[in-house]
Amino acid sequence: MISVLFHACLYLSDRLGAACDFQVMGLESDRLVEWILEQQLPFDVLYYYGCDRPIHISYAPQQRQSIWTFTDGGVPRLQFSQ
């Protein structure tokens, strides 16, 4: 699996997974999140910042399926976690 490494080859996170931010042009991010959930795709954490912003999703062995949303002021709110 891909994970972030520090210069001394130490992992920055113990989750040992991968993550990315992305947006599908022409599709609002809330619809993208709905599709991910409908397809029951595996993920560890998903951050939803708003319908016109990219989402952040991570994959790790834990697959906690945690979903976080953020207020306009950037305050996080846990919406769901297994």
N, C-alpha and C. Protein backbone atom coordinates (compact mmCIF):
# COMPACT_ATOMS: atom_id res chain seq x y z
N MET A 1 0.83 -1.19 0.00
CA MET A 1 0.00 0.00 0.00
C MET A 1 0.87 1.24 0.00
N ILE A 2 0.30 2.32 -0.47
CA ILE A 2 1.00 3.61 -0.49
C ILE A 2 0.76 4.31 0.85
N SER A 3 1.77 4.94 1.36
CA SER A 3 1.63 5.73 2.57
C SER A 3 2.64 6.87 2.51
N VAL A 4 2.40 7.91 3.27
CA VAL A 4 3.29 9.06 3.29
C VAL A 4 4.52 8.73 4.13
N LEU A 5 5.68 9.00 3.57
CA LEU A 5 6.93 8.74 4.28
C LEU A 5 7.64 10.05 4.60
N PHE A 6 8.26 10.10 5.73
CA PHE A 6 9.10 11.22 6.13
C PHE A 6 10.49 10.97 5.56
N HIS A 7 11.35 11.98 5.54
CA HIS A 7 12.69 11.85 4.97
C HIS A 7 13.49 10.68 5.55
N ALA A 8 13.32 10.38 6.80
CA ALA A 8 14.07 9.30 7.44
C ALA A 8 13.36 7.96 7.26
N CYS A 9 12.43 7.89 6.30
CA CYS A 9 11.67 6.67 6.03
C CYS A 9 10.79 6.26 7.20
N LEU A 10 10.30 7.21 7.93
CA LEU A 10 9.34 6.95 9.00
C LEU A 10 7.95 7.35 8.49
N TYR A 11 6.96 6.55 8.79
CA TYR A 11 5.61 6.88 8.38
C TYR A 11 5.09 8.07 9.18
N LEU A 12 4.40 9.00 8.48
CA LEU A 12 3.78 10.12 9.16
C LEU A 12 2.48 9.70 9.82
N SER A 13 1.89 8.63 9.36
CA SER A 13 0.64 8.13 9.91
C SER A 13 0.76 6.63 10.11
N ASP A 14 0.13 6.12 11.15
CA ASP A 14 0.17 4.68 11.40
C ASP A 14 -0.97 3.95 10.69
N ARG A 15 -1.74 4.66 9.88
CA ARG A 15 -2.88 4.04 9.20
C ARG A 15 -2.46 3.19 8.00
N LEU A 16 -1.27 3.42 7.47
CA LEU A 16 -0.73 2.61 6.38
C LEU A 16 -1.70 2.48 5.20
N GLY A 17 -2.20 3.59 4.74
CA GLY A 17 -3.12 3.59 3.61
C GLY A 17 -2.75 4.62 2.59
N ALA A 18 -3.73 5.06 1.86
CA ALA A 18 -3.54 6.07 0.83
C ALA A 18 -4.73 7.03 0.88
N ALA A 19 -4.52 8.25 0.39
CA ALA A 19 -5.59 9.24 0.39
C ALA A 19 -5.44 10.16 -0.80
N CYS A 20 -6.55 10.78 -1.20
CA CYS A 20 -6.49 11.77 -2.27
C CYS A 20 -7.66 12.73 -2.14
N ASP A 21 -7.49 13.88 -2.73
CA ASP A 21 -8.55 14.87 -2.88
C ASP A 21 -8.93 14.88 -4.35
N PHE A 22 -10.23 14.84 -4.66
CA PHE A 22 -10.62 14.92 -6.06
C PHE A 22 -12.03 15.46 -6.22
N GLN A 23 -12.29 15.88 -7.44
CA GLN A 23 -13.59 16.43 -7.81
C GLN A 23 -13.87 15.98 -9.24
N VAL A 24 -15.11 15.60 -9.52
CA VAL A 24 -15.50 15.21 -10.87
C VAL A 24 -16.17 16.42 -11.51
N MET A 25 -15.57 16.90 -12.58
CA MET A 25 -16.11 18.08 -13.26
C MET A 25 -17.53 17.80 -13.76
N GLY A 26 -18.43 18.73 -13.52
CA GLY A 26 -19.82 18.59 -13.94
C GLY A 26 -20.68 17.80 -12.98
N LEU A 27 -20.12 17.37 -11.85
CA LEU A 27 -20.87 16.61 -10.85
C LEU A 27 -20.66 17.24 -9.49
N GLU A 28 -21.74 17.59 -8.81
CA GLU A 28 -21.61 18.17 -7.48
C GLU A 28 -21.09 17.11 -6.51
N SER A 29 -20.27 17.52 -5.58
CA SER A 29 -19.62 16.59 -4.67
C SER A 29 -20.60 15.83 -3.79
N ASP A 30 -21.75 16.42 -3.46
CA ASP A 30 -22.73 15.67 -2.67
C ASP A 30 -23.26 14.47 -3.45
N ARG A 31 -23.41 14.61 -4.76
CA ARG A 31 -23.85 13.49 -5.61
C ARG A 31 -22.75 12.42 -5.68
N LEU A 32 -21.49 12.86 -5.70
CA LEU A 32 -20.37 11.93 -5.71
C LEU A 32 -20.34 11.11 -4.42
N VAL A 33 -20.54 11.77 -3.30
CA VAL A 33 -20.56 11.07 -2.01
C VAL A 33 -21.73 10.09 -1.98
N GLU A 34 -22.89 10.50 -2.45
CA GLU A 34 -24.04 9.59 -2.50
C GLU A 34 -23.71 8.35 -3.32
N TRP A 35 -23.05 8.54 -4.47
CA TRP A 35 -22.68 7.41 -5.33
C TRP A 35 -21.71 6.48 -4.62
N ILE A 36 -20.71 7.03 -3.95
CA ILE A 36 -19.74 6.22 -3.22
C ILE A 36 -20.45 5.36 -2.18
N LEU A 37 -21.40 5.96 -1.46
CA LEU A 37 -22.14 5.22 -0.43
C LEU A 37 -23.08 4.19 -1.05
N GLU A 38 -23.76 4.55 -2.13
CA GLU A 38 -24.67 3.60 -2.80
C GLU A 38 -23.92 2.38 -3.32
N GLN A 39 -22.70 2.60 -3.83
CA GLN A 39 -21.89 1.50 -4.36
C GLN A 39 -21.20 0.70 -3.25
N GLN A 40 -21.33 1.18 -2.02
CA GLN A 40 -20.70 0.55 -0.85
C GLN A 40 -19.19 0.36 -1.06
N LEU A 41 -18.56 1.41 -1.63
CA LEU A 41 -17.12 1.37 -1.84
C LEU A 41 -16.40 1.42 -0.50
N PRO A 42 -15.33 0.67 -0.35
CA PRO A 42 -14.59 0.68 0.92
C PRO A 42 -13.77 1.96 1.06
N PHE A 43 -13.77 2.54 2.24
CA PHE A 43 -12.92 3.68 2.55
C PHE A 43 -12.73 3.76 4.05
N ASP A 44 -11.72 4.49 4.46
CA ASP A 44 -11.48 4.70 5.88
C ASP A 44 -12.16 5.98 6.34
N VAL A 45 -11.79 7.12 5.73
CA VAL A 45 -12.37 8.41 6.11
C VAL A 45 -12.71 9.19 4.85
N LEU A 46 -13.84 9.87 4.87
CA LEU A 46 -14.26 10.75 3.78
C LEU A 46 -14.55 12.12 4.36
N TYR A 47 -13.94 13.17 3.78
CA TYR A 47 -14.21 14.55 4.19
C TYR A 47 -14.99 15.23 3.09
N TYR A 48 -16.14 15.79 3.48
CA TYR A 48 -16.99 16.52 2.53
C TYR A 48 -16.97 18.00 2.93
N TYR A 49 -16.48 18.85 2.01
CA TYR A 49 -16.32 20.27 2.29
C TYR A 49 -17.42 21.14 1.70
N GLY A 50 -18.24 20.59 0.82
CA GLY A 50 -19.30 21.35 0.17
C GLY A 50 -19.52 20.84 -1.25
N CYS A 51 -20.69 21.13 -1.81
CA CYS A 51 -21.05 20.56 -3.11
C CYS A 51 -20.17 21.04 -4.25
N ASP A 52 -19.53 22.20 -4.11
CA ASP A 52 -18.70 22.72 -5.20
C ASP A 52 -17.20 22.61 -4.90
N ARG A 53 -16.85 21.75 -3.93
CA ARG A 53 -15.44 21.58 -3.55
C ARG A 53 -15.05 20.11 -3.67
N PRO A 54 -13.76 19.83 -3.81
CA PRO A 54 -13.32 18.43 -3.87
C PRO A 54 -13.61 17.70 -2.57
N ILE A 55 -13.70 16.38 -2.65
CA ILE A 55 -13.79 15.57 -1.44
C ILE A 55 -12.40 15.02 -1.14
N HIS A 56 -12.20 14.61 0.10
CA HIS A 56 -10.97 13.93 0.51
C HIS A 56 -11.40 12.54 0.95
N ILE A 57 -10.75 11.53 0.41
CA ILE A 57 -11.10 10.16 0.80
C ILE A 57 -9.82 9.38 1.04
N SER A 58 -9.86 8.53 2.05
CA SER A 58 -8.69 7.71 2.35
C SER A 58 -9.09 6.25 2.40
N TYR A 59 -8.11 5.42 2.09
CA TYR A 59 -8.28 3.99 2.14
C TYR A 59 -7.20 3.44 3.05
N ALA A 60 -7.59 2.59 3.98
CA ALA A 60 -6.65 2.01 4.93
C ALA A 60 -7.22 0.67 5.40
N PRO A 61 -6.39 -0.15 5.99
CA PRO A 61 -6.88 -1.45 6.45
C PRO A 61 -8.08 -1.35 7.41
N GLN A 62 -8.17 -0.26 8.18
CA GLN A 62 -9.24 -0.13 9.17
C GLN A 62 -10.63 0.01 8.52
N GLN A 63 -10.73 0.70 7.41
CA GLN A 63 -12.00 0.94 6.72
C GLN A 63 -13.13 1.31 7.69
N ARG A 64 -12.90 2.37 8.46
CA ARG A 64 -13.87 2.82 9.47
C ARG A 64 -15.12 3.42 8.88
N GLN A 65 -15.07 3.84 7.62
CA GLN A 65 -16.20 4.46 6.95
C GLN A 65 -16.69 5.70 7.70
N SER A 66 -15.74 6.48 8.24
CA SER A 66 -16.07 7.73 8.92
C SER A 66 -16.33 8.81 7.88
N ILE A 67 -17.39 9.56 8.09
CA ILE A 67 -17.74 10.67 7.18
C ILE A 67 -17.76 11.94 8.00
N TRP A 68 -16.95 12.92 7.57
CA TRP A 68 -16.88 14.22 8.22
C TRP A 68 -17.37 15.28 7.26
N THR A 69 -18.18 16.20 7.76
CA THR A 69 -18.57 17.39 7.00
C THR A 69 -17.96 18.60 7.70
N PHE A 70 -17.90 19.71 7.00
CA PHE A 70 -17.29 20.92 7.56
C PHE A 70 -18.23 22.10 7.35
N THR A 71 -18.34 22.94 8.37
CA THR A 71 -19.13 24.16 8.25
C THR A 71 -18.40 25.13 7.33
N ASP A 72 -19.07 26.22 6.94
CA ASP A 72 -18.42 27.23 6.11
C ASP A 72 -17.20 27.82 6.81
N GLY A 73 -17.20 27.79 8.13
CA GLY A 73 -16.06 28.29 8.90
C GLY A 73 -14.96 27.26 9.10
N GLY A 74 -15.14 26.05 8.53
CA GLY A 74 -14.12 25.02 8.62
C GLY A 74 -14.19 24.14 9.86
N VAL A 75 -15.28 24.23 10.62
CA VAL A 75 -15.42 23.41 11.82
C VAL A 75 -15.91 22.01 11.42
N PRO A 76 -15.16 20.96 11.80
CA PRO A 76 -15.55 19.60 11.42
C PRO A 76 -16.70 19.06 12.26
N ARG A 77 -17.51 18.21 11.62
CA ARG A 77 -18.59 17.51 12.31
C ARG A 77 -18.59 16.06 11.84
N LEU A 78 -18.49 15.12 12.78
CA LEU A 78 -18.55 13.70 12.45
C LEU A 78 -20.01 13.36 12.13
N GLN A 79 -20.26 12.86 10.94
CA GLN A 79 -21.61 12.51 10.52
C GLN A 79 -21.91 11.03 10.72
N PHE A 80 -20.88 10.21 10.51
CA PHE A 80 -21.10 8.77 10.63
C PHE A 80 -19.75 8.09 10.83
N SER A 81 -19.74 7.05 11.64
CA SER A 81 -18.54 6.25 11.83
C SER A 81 -18.97 4.88 12.34
N GLN A 82 -18.35 3.85 11.79
CA GLN A 82 -18.67 2.48 12.24
C GLN A 82 -17.89 2.15 13.48
